[in-house]
Amino acid sequence: MKRKLLGFLLGTTLVFSLAACGGDDNATDEPAGDGGATAANGEEIFQQNCAACHGKDLSGGAGPTLQTIGSKYSKDEIADIIENGRGAMRAGIVQGAEKDAVAEWLAGKK
């Protein structure tokens, strides 16, 4: 009984994690405009696309903590991780000017 419950909980957690970090079912392959992405709204973009795995307060969860990521990586290195993925994080969750805005915002987290 405990084994079945544990399997069920792990399975639902995995499904939720993949869905939360997944893309938009309505996404197209067409390049989107930058949508006015700036460092000022990098936090908003992060909250919409990354917080499900990295935590609303950057404390981590399914993904690692990002509270001091700027002391470890530069803006360009963070942008590269966002673009190419790392570990279980898939590539391209955020793209273009939005990627740059998130990278700039995270680079300030020291």
PDB file of N, CA and C in Angstrom:
ATOM      1  N   MET A   1       0.822  -1.198   0.000  1.00  0.00           N
ATOM      2  CA  MET A   1       0.000   0.000   0.000  1.00  0.00           C
ATOM      3  C   MET A   1       0.870   1.267   0.000  1.00  0.00           C
ATOM      4  N   LYS A   2       1.886   1.282   0.869  1.00  0.00           N
ATOM      5  CA  LYS A   2       2.767   2.441   0.944  1.00  0.00           C
ATOM      6  C   LYS A   2       3.535   2.623  -0.356  1.00  0.00           C
ATOM      7  N   ARG A   3       3.935   1.513  -0.958  1.00  0.00           N
ATOM      8  CA  ARG A   3       4.670   1.577  -2.214  1.00  0.00           C
ATOM      9  C   ARG A   3       3.811   2.169  -3.329  1.00  0.00           C
ATOM     10  N   LYS A   4       2.553   1.775  -3.378  1.00  0.00           N
ATOM     11  CA  LYS A   4       1.643   2.302  -4.401  1.00  0.00           C
ATOM     12  C   LYS A   4       1.407   3.795  -4.186  1.00  0.00           C
ATOM     13  N   LEU A   5       1.225   4.191  -2.943  1.00  0.00           N
ATOM     14  CA  LEU A   5       1.006   5.604  -2.638  1.00  0.00           C
ATOM     15  C   LEU A   5       2.244   6.420  -2.989  1.00  0.00           C
ATOM     16  N   LEU A   6       3.415   5.912  -2.633  1.00  0.00           N
ATOM     17  CA  LEU A   6       4.649   6.604  -2.953  1.00  0.00           C
ATOM     18  C   LEU A   6       4.824   6.721  -4.470  1.00  0.00           C
ATOM     19  N   GLY A   7       4.550   5.654  -5.191  1.00  0.00           N
ATOM     20  CA  GLY A   7       4.638   5.683  -6.654  1.00  0.00           C
ATOM     21  C   GLY A   7       3.671   6.682  -7.251  1.00  0.00           C
ATOM     22  N   PHE A   8       2.466   6.728  -6.717  1.00  0.00           N
ATOM     23  CA  PHE A   8       1.470   7.676  -7.205  1.00  0.00           C
ATOM     24  C   PHE A   8       1.929   9.114  -6.953  1.00  0.00           C
ATOM     25  N   LEU A   9       2.413   9.387  -5.755  1.00  0.00           N
ATOM     26  CA  LEU A   9       2.865  10.738  -5.417  1.00  0.00           C
ATOM     27  C   LEU A   9       4.057  11.162  -6.267  1.00  0.00           C
ATOM     28  N   LEU A  10       5.012  10.271  -6.449  1.00  0.00           N
ATOM     29  CA  LEU A  10       6.163  10.604  -7.290  1.00  0.00           C
ATOM     30  C   LEU A  10       5.742  10.826  -8.737  1.00  0.00           C
ATOM     31  N   GLY A  11       4.825   9.998  -9.216  1.00  0.00           N
ATOM     32  CA  GLY A  11       4.350  10.151 -10.593  1.00  0.00           C
ATOM     33  C   GLY A  11       3.627  11.461 -10.807  1.00  0.00           C
ATOM     34  N   THR A  12       2.757  11.829  -9.885  1.00  0.00           N
ATOM     35  CA  THR A  12       2.026  13.088 -10.046  1.00  0.00           C
ATOM     36  C   THR A  12       2.957  14.283  -9.896  1.00  0.00           C
ATOM     37  N   THR A  13       3.956  14.168  -9.016  1.00  0.00           N
ATOM     38  CA  THR A  13       4.929  15.247  -8.865  1.00  0.00           C
ATOM     39  C   THR A  13       5.708  15.440 -10.158  1.00  0.00           C
ATOM     40  N   LEU A  14       6.120  14.346 -10.773  1.00  0.00           N
ATOM     41  CA  LEU A  14       6.855  14.422 -12.033  1.00  0.00           C
ATOM     42  C   LEU A  14       5.998  15.051 -13.130  1.00  0.00           C
ATOM     43  N   VAL A  15       4.761  14.624 -13.231  1.00  0.00           N
ATOM     44  CA  VAL A  15       3.860  15.171 -14.248  1.00  0.00           C
ATOM     45  C   VAL A  15       3.657  16.660 -14.017  1.00  0.00           C
ATOM     46  N   PHE A  16       3.442  17.050 -12.754  1.00  0.00           N
ATOM     47  CA  PHE A  16       3.254  18.473 -12.451  1.00  0.00           C
ATOM     48  C   PHE A  16       4.510  19.266 -12.798  1.00  0.00           C
ATOM     49  N   SER A  17       5.667  18.731 -12.425  1.00  0.00           N
ATOM     50  CA  SER A  17       6.916  19.440 -12.703  1.00  0.00           C
ATOM     51  C   SER A  17       7.123  19.641 -14.191  1.00  0.00           C
ATOM     52  N   LEU A  18       6.862  18.622 -14.972  1.00  0.00           N
ATOM     53  CA  LEU A  18       7.024  18.743 -16.414  1.00  0.00           C
ATOM     54  C   LEU A  18       6.017  19.715 -17.006  1.00  0.00           C
ATOM     55  N   ALA A  19       4.795  19.675 -16.493  1.00  0.00           N
ATOM     56  CA  ALA A  19       3.777  20.596 -17.000  1.00  0.00           C
ATOM     57  C   ALA A  19       4.087  22.035 -16.599  1.00  0.00           C
ATOM     58  N   ALA A  20       4.541  22.225 -15.371  1.00  0.00           N
ATOM     59  CA  ALA A  20       4.830  23.573 -14.886  1.00  0.00           C
ATOM     60  C   ALA A  20       6.015  24.192 -15.620  1.00  0.00           C
ATOM     61  N   CYS A  21       6.992  23.395 -15.954  1.00  0.00           N
ATOM     62  CA  CYS A  21       8.175  23.911 -16.641  1.00  0.00           C
ATOM     63  C   CYS A  21       8.041  23.800 -18.150  1.00  0.00           C
ATOM     64  N   GLY A  22       6.931  23.254 -18.600  1.00  0.00           N
ATOM     65  CA  GLY A  22       6.736  23.055 -20.028  1.00  0.00           C
ATOM     66  C   GLY A  22       6.408  24.339 -20.741  1.00  0.00           C
ATOM     67  N   GLY A  23       6.201  24.214 -22.013  1.00  0.00           N
ATOM     68  CA  GLY A  23       5.931  25.382 -22.836  1.00  0.00           C
ATOM     69  C   GLY A  23       4.458  25.689 -22.936  1.00  0.00           C
ATOM     70  N   ASP A  24       4.137  26.524 -23.842  1.00  0.00           N
ATOM     71  CA  ASP A  24       2.791  26.979 -24.106  1.00  0.00           C
ATOM     72  C   ASP A  24       2.202  26.118 -25.216  1.00  0.00           C
ATOM     73  N   ASP A  25       1.061  25.504 -24.926  1.00  0.00           N
ATOM     74  CA  ASP A  25       0.434  24.652 -25.935  1.00  0.00           C
ATOM     75  C   ASP A  25       0.018  25.438 -27.168  1.00  0.00           C
ATOM     76  N   ASN A  26      -0.123  26.736 -27.033  1.00  0.00           N
ATOM     77  CA  ASN A  26      -0.532  27.572 -28.149  1.00  0.00           C
ATOM     78  C   ASN A  26       0.660  28.221 -28.845  1.00  0.00           C
ATOM     79  N   ALA A  27       1.847  27.817 -28.474  1.00  0.00           N
ATOM     80  CA  ALA A  27       3.051  28.426 -29.048  1.00  0.00           C
ATOM     81  C   ALA A  27       3.175  28.078 -30.517  1.00  0.00           C
ATOM     82  N   THR A  28       3.769  28.997 -31.250  1.00  0.00           N
ATOM     83  CA  THR A  28       4.014  28.755 -32.665  1.00  0.00           C
ATOM     84  C   THR A  28       5.505  28.797 -32.899  1.00  0.00           C
ATOM     85  N   ASP A  29       5.922  28.394 -34.076  1.00  0.00           N
ATOM     86  CA  ASP A  29       7.337  28.449 -34.412  1.00  0.00           C
ATOM     87  C   ASP A  29       7.738  29.812 -34.934  1.00  0.00           C
ATOM     88  N   GLU A  30       6.776  30.721 -35.036  1.00  0.00           N
ATOM     89  CA  GLU A  30       7.074  32.058 -35.533  1.00  0.00           C
ATOM     90  C   GLU A  30       7.772  32.857 -34.456  1.00  0.00           C
ATOM     91  N   PRO A  31       8.792  33.620 -34.816  1.00  0.00           N
ATOM     92  CA  PRO A  31       9.462  34.433 -33.812  1.00  0.00           C
ATOM     93  C   PRO A  31       8.523  35.511 -33.285  1.00  0.00           C
ATOM     94  N   ALA A  32       8.520  35.651 -31.977  1.00  0.00           N
ATOM     95  CA  ALA A  32       7.669  36.660 -31.356  1.00  0.00           C
ATOM     96  C   ALA A  32       8.447  37.959 -31.240  1.00  0.00           C
ATOM     97  N   GLY A  33       7.726  39.062 -31.172  1.00  0.00           N
ATOM     98  CA  GLY A  33       8.375  40.343 -30.920  1.00  0.00           C
ATOM     99  C   GLY A  33       8.905  40.344 -29.510  1.00  0.00           C
ATOM    100  N   ASP A  34       9.687  41.344 -29.170  1.00  0.00           N
ATOM    101  CA  ASP A  34      10.272  41.356 -27.839  1.00  0.00           C
ATOM    102  C   ASP A  34       9.244  41.696 -26.768  1.00  0.00           C
ATOM    103  N   GLY A  35       8.050  42.131 -27.174  1.00  0.00           N
ATOM    104  CA  GLY A  35       7.001  42.414 -26.207  1.00  0.00           C
ATOM    105  C   GLY A  35       7.398  43.498 -25.222  1.00  0.00           C
ATOM    106  N   GLY A  36       8.372  44.339 -25.591  1.00  0.00           N
ATOM    107  CA  GLY A  36       8.798  45.389 -24.686  1.00  0.00           C
ATOM    108  C   GLY A  36       9.611  44.860 -23.522  1.00  0.00           C
ATOM    109  N   ALA A  37      10.263  43.715 -23.694  1.00  0.00           N
ATOM    110  CA  ALA A  37      11.032  43.120 -22.613  1.00  0.00           C
ATOM    111  C   ALA A  37      12.185  44.029 -22.213  1.00  0.00           C
ATOM    112  N   THR A  38      12.266  44.295 -20.925  1.00  0.00           N
ATOM    113  CA  THR A  38      13.355  45.086 -20.365  1.00  0.00           C
ATOM    114  C   THR A  38      13.788  44.437 -19.067  1.00  0.00           C
ATOM    115  N   ALA A  39      14.918  44.859 -18.556  1.00  0.00           N
ATOM    116  CA  ALA A  39      15.371  44.326 -17.267  1.00  0.00           C
ATOM    117  C   ALA A  39      14.334  44.611 -16.190  1.00  0.00           C
ATOM    118  N   ALA A  40      13.603  45.711 -16.347  1.00  0.00           N
ATOM    119  CA  ALA A  40      12.598  46.075 -15.360  1.00  0.00           C
ATOM    120  C   ALA A  40      11.507  45.015 -15.255  1.00  0.00           C
ATOM    121  N   ASN A  41      11.174  44.358 -16.381  1.00  0.00           N
ATOM    122  CA  ASN A  41      10.153  43.328 -16.282  1.00  0.00           C
ATOM    123  C   ASN A  41      10.745  41.921 -16.356  1.00  0.00           C
ATOM    124  N   GLY A  42      12.065  41.794 -16.189  1.00  0.00           N
ATOM    125  CA  GLY A  42      12.701  40.487 -16.129  1.00  0.00           C
ATOM    126  C   GLY A  42      12.128  39.652 -15.006  1.00  0.00           C
ATOM    127  N   GLU A  43      11.827  40.297 -13.873  1.00  0.00           N
ATOM    128  CA  GLU A  43      11.229  39.572 -12.755  1.00  0.00           C
ATOM    129  C   GLU A  43       9.851  39.042 -13.129  1.00  0.00           C
ATOM    130  N   GLU A  44       9.052  39.842 -13.815  1.00  0.00           N
ATOM    131  CA  GLU A  44       7.709  39.407 -14.228  1.00  0.00           C
ATOM    132  C   GLU A  44       7.798  38.220 -15.193  1.00  0.00           C
ATOM    133  N   ILE A  45       8.711  38.292 -16.130  1.00  0.00           N
ATOM    134  CA  ILE A  45       8.908  37.198 -17.090  1.00  0.00           C
ATOM    135  C   ILE A  45       9.352  35.941 -16.350  1.00  0.00           C
ATOM    136  N   PHE A  46      10.263  36.106 -15.380  1.00  0.00           N
ATOM    137  CA  PHE A  46      10.710  34.982 -14.555  1.00  0.00           C
ATOM    138  C   PHE A  46       9.522  34.356 -13.837  1.00  0.00           C
ATOM    139  N   GLN A  47       8.690  35.182 -13.209  1.00  0.00           N
ATOM    140  CA  GLN A  47       7.551  34.665 -12.451  1.00  0.00           C
ATOM    141  C   GLN A  47       6.596  33.857 -13.345  1.00  0.00           C
ATOM    142  N   GLN A  48       6.427  34.297 -14.578  1.00  0.00           N
ATOM    143  CA  GLN A  48       5.515  33.626 -15.504  1.00  0.00           C
ATOM    144  C   GLN A  48       6.085  32.334 -16.064  1.00  0.00           C
ATOM    145  N   ASN A  49       7.400  32.237 -16.203  1.00  0.00           N
ATOM    146  CA  ASN A  49       7.994  31.118 -16.926  1.00  0.00           C
ATOM    147  C   ASN A  49       8.919  30.223 -16.111  1.00  0.00           C
ATOM    148  N   CYS A  50       9.458  30.715 -15.030  1.00  0.00           N
ATOM    149  CA  CYS A  50      10.529  29.997 -14.330  1.00  0.00           C
ATOM    150  C   CYS A  50      10.223  29.679 -12.869  1.00  0.00           C
ATOM    151  N   ALA A  51       9.334  30.460 -12.251  1.00  0.00           N
ATOM    152  CA  ALA A  51       9.093  30.336 -10.816  1.00  0.00           C
ATOM    153  C   ALA A  51       8.521  28.982 -10.415  1.00  0.00           C
ATOM    154  N   ALA A  52       7.824  28.317 -11.315  1.00  0.00           N
ATOM    155  CA  ALA A  52       7.258  27.012 -10.970  1.00  0.00           C
ATOM    156  C   ALA A  52       8.346  26.019 -10.574  1.00  0.00           C
ATOM    157  N   CYS A  53       9.505  26.137 -11.164  1.00  0.00           N
ATOM    158  CA  CYS A  53      10.610  25.223 -10.847  1.00  0.00           C
ATOM    159  C   CYS A  53      11.638  25.841  -9.905  1.00  0.00           C
ATOM    160  N   HIS A  54      11.878  27.145 -10.017  1.00  0.00           N
ATOM    161  CA  HIS A  54      12.928  27.795  -9.235  1.00  0.00           C
ATOM    162  C   HIS A  54      12.385  28.553  -8.030  1.00  0.00           C
ATOM    163  N   GLY A  55      11.077  28.577  -7.843  1.00  0.00           N
ATOM    164  CA  GLY A  55      10.464  29.239  -6.700  1.00  0.00           C
ATOM    165  C   GLY A  55      10.219  30.715  -6.937  1.00  0.00           C
ATOM    166  N   LYS A  56       9.092  31.192  -6.453  1.00  0.00           N
ATOM    167  CA  LYS A  56       8.749  32.607  -6.612  1.00  0.00           C
ATOM    168  C   LYS A  56       9.780  33.506  -5.944  1.00  0.00           C
ATOM    169  N   ASP A  57      10.402  33.000  -4.870  1.00  0.00           N
ATOM    170  CA  ASP A  57      11.426  33.770  -4.160  1.00  0.00           C
ATOM    171  C   ASP A  57      12.836  33.304  -4.520  1.00  0.00           C
ATOM    172  N   LEU A  58      12.966  32.568  -5.619  1.00  0.00           N
ATOM    173  CA  LEU A  58      14.239  32.060  -6.135  1.00  0.00           C
ATOM    174  C   LEU A  58      14.866  30.995  -5.241  1.00  0.00           C
ATOM    175  N   SER A  59      14.102  30.457  -4.286  1.00  0.00           N
ATOM    176  CA  SER A  59      14.660  29.514  -3.313  1.00  0.00           C
ATOM    177  C   SER A  59      14.806  28.095  -3.843  1.00  0.00           C
ATOM    178  N   GLY A  60      14.318  27.839  -5.033  1.00  0.00           N
ATOM    179  CA  GLY A  60      14.460  26.506  -5.615  1.00  0.00           C
ATOM    180  C   GLY A  60      13.218  25.663  -5.407  1.00  0.00           C
ATOM    181  N   GLY A  61      13.293  24.460  -5.844  1.00  0.00           N
ATOM    182  CA  GLY A  61      12.196  23.500  -5.801  1.00  0.00           C
ATOM    183  C   GLY A  61      12.588  22.362  -6.707  1.00  0.00           C
ATOM    184  N   ALA A  62      11.893  22.218  -7.829  1.00  0.00           N
ATOM    185  CA  ALA A  62      12.286  21.228  -8.834  1.00  0.00           C
ATOM    186  C   ALA A  62      13.610  21.643  -9.476  1.00  0.00           C
ATOM    187  N   GLY A  63      13.854  22.938  -9.539  1.00  0.00           N
ATOM    188  CA  GLY A  63      15.109  23.478 -10.058  1.00  0.00           C
ATOM    189  C   GLY A  63      15.938  24.040  -8.911  1.00  0.00           C
ATOM    190  N   PRO A  64      17.185  24.358  -9.157  1.00  0.00           N
ATOM    191  CA  PRO A  64      18.048  24.860  -8.076  1.00  0.00           C
ATOM    192  C   PRO A  64      17.691  26.276  -7.642  1.00  0.00           C
ATOM    193  N   THR A  65      18.163  26.647  -6.469  1.00  0.00           N
ATOM    194  CA  THR A  65      18.000  28.007  -5.983  1.00  0.00           C
ATOM    195  C   THR A  65      18.739  28.978  -6.904  1.00  0.00           C
ATOM    196  N   LEU A  66      18.188  30.161  -7.065  1.00  0.00           N
ATOM    197  CA  LEU A  66      18.812  31.191  -7.894  1.00  0.00           C
ATOM    198  C   LEU A  66      19.034  32.482  -7.104  1.00  0.00           C
ATOM    199  N   GLN A  67      18.937  32.392  -5.778  1.00  0.00           N
ATOM    200  CA  GLN A  67      19.011  33.589  -4.940  1.00  0.00           C
ATOM    201  C   GLN A  67      20.330  34.343  -5.067  1.00  0.00           C
ATOM    202  N   THR A  68      21.428  33.657  -5.342  1.00  0.00           N
ATOM    203  CA  THR A  68      22.725  34.319  -5.486  1.00  0.00           C
ATOM    204  C   THR A  68      23.381  33.955  -6.818  1.00  0.00           C
ATOM    205  N   ILE A  69      22.576  33.669  -7.814  1.00  0.00           N
ATOM    206  CA  ILE A  69      23.089  33.218  -9.113  1.00  0.00           C
ATOM    207  C   ILE A  69      24.016  34.249  -9.761  1.00  0.00           C
ATOM    208  N   GLY A  70      23.771  35.521  -9.526  1.00  0.00           N
ATOM    209  CA  GLY A  70      24.595  36.572 -10.118  1.00  0.00           C
ATOM    210  C   GLY A  70      26.011  36.613  -9.581  1.00  0.00           C
ATOM    211  N   SER A  71      26.245  36.022  -8.417  1.00  0.00           N
ATOM    212  CA  SER A  71      27.609  35.966  -7.885  1.00  0.00           C
ATOM    213  C   SER A  71      28.388  34.793  -8.478  1.00  0.00           C
ATOM    214  N   LYS A  72      27.692  33.893  -9.150  1.00  0.00           N
ATOM    215  CA  LYS A  72      28.339  32.724  -9.747  1.00  0.00           C
ATOM    216  C   LYS A  72      28.478  32.850 -11.264  1.00  0.00           C
ATOM    217  N   TYR A  73      27.472  33.456 -11.914  1.00  0.00           N
ATOM    218  CA  TYR A  73      27.457  33.555 -13.374  1.00  0.00           C
ATOM    219  C   TYR A  73      27.209  34.995 -13.817  1.00  0.00           C
ATOM    220  N   SER A  74      27.767  35.360 -14.963  1.00  0.00           N
ATOM    221  CA  SER A  74      27.521  36.674 -15.564  1.00  0.00           C
ATOM    222  C   SER A  74      26.182  36.654 -16.294  1.00  0.00           C
ATOM    223  N   LYS A  75      25.746  37.822 -16.733  1.00  0.00           N
ATOM    224  CA  LYS A  75      24.507  37.927 -17.508  1.00  0.00           C
ATOM    225  C   LYS A  75      24.581  37.043 -18.754  1.00  0.00           C
ATOM    226  N   ASP A  76      25.705  37.081 -19.455  1.00  0.00           N
ATOM    227  CA  ASP A  76      25.850  36.281 -20.680  1.00  0.00           C
ATOM    228  C   ASP A  76      25.830  34.782 -20.387  1.00  0.00           C
ATOM    229  N   GLU A  77      26.438  34.372 -19.279  1.00  0.00           N
ATOM    230  CA  GLU A  77      26.433  32.952 -18.910  1.00  0.00           C
ATOM    231  C   GLU A  77      25.028  32.497 -18.534  1.00  0.00           C
ATOM    232  N   ILE A  78      24.295  33.343 -17.829  1.00  0.00           N
ATOM    233  CA  ILE A  78      22.916  33.013 -17.462  1.00  0.00           C
ATOM    234  C   ILE A  78      22.058  32.926 -18.720  1.00  0.00           C
ATOM    235  N   ALA A  79      22.234  33.871 -19.637  1.00  0.00           N
ATOM    236  CA  ALA A  79      21.485  33.836 -20.900  1.00  0.00           C
ATOM    237  C   ALA A  79      21.777  32.551 -21.669  1.00  0.00           C
ATOM    238  N   ASP A  80      23.027  32.104 -21.647  1.00  0.00           N
ATOM    239  CA  ASP A  80      23.407  30.860 -22.322  1.00  0.00           C
ATOM    240  C   ASP A  80      22.707  29.657 -21.684  1.00  0.00           C
ATOM    241  N   ILE A  81      22.629  29.637 -20.359  1.00  0.00           N
ATOM    242  CA  ILE A  81      21.934  28.548 -19.670  1.00  0.00           C
ATOM    243  C   ILE A  81      20.459  28.552 -20.038  1.00  0.00           C
ATOM    244  N   ILE A  82      19.845  29.728 -20.064  1.00  0.00           N
ATOM    245  CA  ILE A  82      18.426  29.830 -20.441  1.00  0.00           C
ATOM    246  C   ILE A  82      18.238  29.345 -21.873  1.00  0.00           C
ATOM    247  N   GLU A  83      19.116  29.752 -22.763  1.00  0.00           N
ATOM    248  CA  GLU A  83      18.993  29.398 -24.180  1.00  0.00           C
ATOM    249  C   GLU A  83      19.223  27.913 -24.435  1.00  0.00           C
ATOM    250  N   ASN A  84      20.220  27.330 -23.788  1.00  0.00           N
ATOM    251  CA  ASN A  84      20.622  25.955 -24.091  1.00  0.00           C
ATOM    252  C   ASN A  84      20.167  24.924 -23.066  1.00  0.00           C
ATOM    253  N   GLY A  85      19.633  25.385 -21.939  1.00  0.00           N
ATOM    254  CA  GLY A  85      19.213  24.458 -20.897  1.00  0.00           C
ATOM    255  C   GLY A  85      20.403  23.917 -20.131  1.00  0.00           C
ATOM    256  N   ARG A  86      20.111  23.261 -19.033  1.00  0.00           N
ATOM    257  CA  ARG A  86      21.157  22.624 -18.229  1.00  0.00           C
ATOM    258  C   ARG A  86      20.481  21.601 -17.331  1.00  0.00           C
ATOM    259  N   GLY A  87      21.061  20.410 -17.245  1.00  0.00           N
ATOM    260  CA  GLY A  87      20.469  19.362 -16.417  1.00  0.00           C
ATOM    261  C   GLY A  87      19.073  19.034 -16.923  1.00  0.00           C
ATOM    262  N   ALA A  88      18.087  19.051 -16.024  1.00  0.00           N
ATOM    263  CA  ALA A  88      16.710  18.740 -16.386  1.00  0.00           C
ATOM    264  C   ALA A  88      15.986  19.923 -17.032  1.00  0.00           C
ATOM    265  N   MET A  89      16.602  21.099 -16.998  1.00  0.00           N
ATOM    266  CA  MET A  89      15.965  22.284 -17.580  1.00  0.00           C
ATOM    267  C   MET A  89      16.080  22.224 -19.099  1.00  0.00           C
ATOM    268  N   ARG A  90      14.935  22.316 -19.747  1.00  0.00           N
ATOM    269  CA  ARG A  90      14.965  22.261 -21.209  1.00  0.00           C
ATOM    270  C   ARG A  90      15.367  23.616 -21.781  1.00  0.00           C
ATOM    271  N   ALA A  91      15.880  23.587 -22.968  1.00  0.00           N
ATOM    272  CA  ALA A  91      16.356  24.799 -23.636  1.00  0.00           C
ATOM    273  C   ALA A  91      15.196  25.656 -24.123  1.00  0.00           C
ATOM    274  N   GLY A  92      15.428  26.962 -24.179  1.00  0.00           N
ATOM    275  CA  GLY A  92      14.513  27.883 -24.838  1.00  0.00           C
ATOM    276  C   GLY A  92      13.196  28.152 -24.150  1.00  0.00           C
ATOM    277  N   ILE A  93      13.115  27.979 -22.840  1.00  0.00           N
ATOM    278  CA  ILE A  93      11.857  28.274 -22.146  1.00  0.00           C
ATOM    279  C   ILE A  93      11.498  29.744 -22.330  1.00  0.00           C
ATOM    280  N   VAL A  94      12.507  30.609 -22.309  1.00  0.00           N
ATOM    281  CA  VAL A  94      12.347  32.037 -22.563  1.00  0.00           C
ATOM    282  C   VAL A  94      13.333  32.384 -23.674  1.00  0.00           C
ATOM    283  N   GLN A  95      12.896  33.183 -24.640  1.00  0.00           N
ATOM    284  CA  GLN A  95      13.743  33.467 -25.797  1.00  0.00           C
ATOM    285  C   GLN A  95      13.823  34.961 -26.092  1.00  0.00           C
ATOM    286  N   GLY A  96      14.793  35.310 -26.909  1.00  0.00           N
ATOM    287  CA  GLY A  96      14.921  36.674 -27.412  1.00  0.00           C
ATOM    288  C   GLY A  96      15.156  37.704 -26.323  1.00  0.00           C
ATOM    289  N   ALA A  97      14.480  38.836 -26.466  1.00  0.00           N
ATOM    290  CA  ALA A  97      14.650  39.949 -25.533  1.00  0.00           C
ATOM    291  C   ALA A  97      14.175  39.563 -24.132  1.00  0.00           C
ATOM    292  N   GLU A  98      13.178  38.680 -24.040  1.00  0.00           N
ATOM    293  CA  GLU A  98      12.714  38.230 -22.724  1.00  0.00           C
ATOM    294  C   GLU A  98      13.811  37.437 -22.017  1.00  0.00           C
ATOM    295  N   LYS A  99      14.514  36.585 -22.758  1.00  0.00           N
ATOM    296  CA  LYS A  99      15.642  35.829 -22.193  1.00  0.00           C
ATOM    297  C   LYS A  99      16.680  36.801 -21.646  1.00  0.00           C
ATOM    298  N   ASP A 100      17.014  37.829 -22.425  1.00  0.00           N
ATOM    299  CA  ASP A 100      18.008  38.811 -22.006  1.00  0.00           C
ATOM    300  C   ASP A 100      17.542  39.580 -20.772  1.00  0.00           C
ATOM    301  N   ALA A 101      16.262  39.904 -20.712  1.00  0.00           N
ATOM    302  CA  ALA A 101      15.719  40.628 -19.555  1.00  0.00           C
ATOM    303  C   ALA A 101      15.807  39.766 -18.297  1.00  0.00           C
ATOM    304  N   VAL A 102      15.465  38.497 -18.403  1.00  0.00           N
ATOM    305  CA  VAL A 102      15.548  37.593 -17.252  1.00  0.00           C
ATOM    306  C   VAL A 102      17.003  37.419 -16.837  1.00  0.00           C
ATOM    307  N   ALA A 103      17.899  37.237 -17.808  1.00  0.00           N
ATOM    308  CA  ALA A 103      19.314  37.062 -17.508  1.00  0.00           C
ATOM    309  C   ALA A 103      19.883  38.286 -16.794  1.00  0.00           C
ATOM    310  N   GLU A 104      19.515  39.462 -17.269  1.00  0.00           N
ATOM    311  CA  GLU A 104      19.995  40.693 -16.632  1.00  0.00           C
ATOM    312  C   GLU A 104      19.482  40.815 -15.203  1.00  0.00           C
ATOM    313  N   TRP A 105      18.204  40.498 -15.010  1.00  0.00           N
ATOM    314  CA  TRP A 105      17.608  40.556 -13.681  1.00  0.00           C
ATOM    315  C   TRP A 105      18.279  39.554 -12.739  1.00  0.00           C
ATOM    316  N   LEU A 106      18.468  38.320 -13.215  1.00  0.00           N
ATOM    317  CA  LEU A 106      19.102  37.302 -12.379  1.00  0.00           C
ATOM    318  C   LEU A 106      20.568  37.615 -12.101  1.00  0.00           C
ATOM    319  N   ALA A 107      21.263  38.235 -13.041  1.00  0.00           N
ATOM    320  CA  ALA A 107      22.667  38.577 -12.839  1.00  0.00           C
ATOM    321  C   ALA A 107      22.837  39.550 -11.666  1.00  0.00           C
ATOM    322  N   GLY A 108      21.810  40.288 -11.342  1.00  0.00           N
ATOM    323  CA  GLY A 108      21.850  41.206 -10.209  1.00  0.00           C
ATOM    324  C   GLY A 108      21.622  40.539  -8.867  1.00  0.00           C
ATOM    325  N   LYS A 109      21.319  39.257  -8.873  1.00  0.00           N
ATOM    326  CA  LYS A 109      21.070  38.525  -7.625  1.00  0.00           C
ATOM    327  C   LYS A 109      22.392  38.012  -7.076  1.00  0.00           C
ATOM    328  N   LYS A 110      22.931  38.745  -6.146  1.00  0.00           N
ATOM    329  CA  LYS A 110      24.243  38.404  -5.599  1.00  0.00           C
ATOM    330  C   LYS A 110      24.085  38.069  -4.180  1.00  0.00           C
TER     331      LYS A 110
END
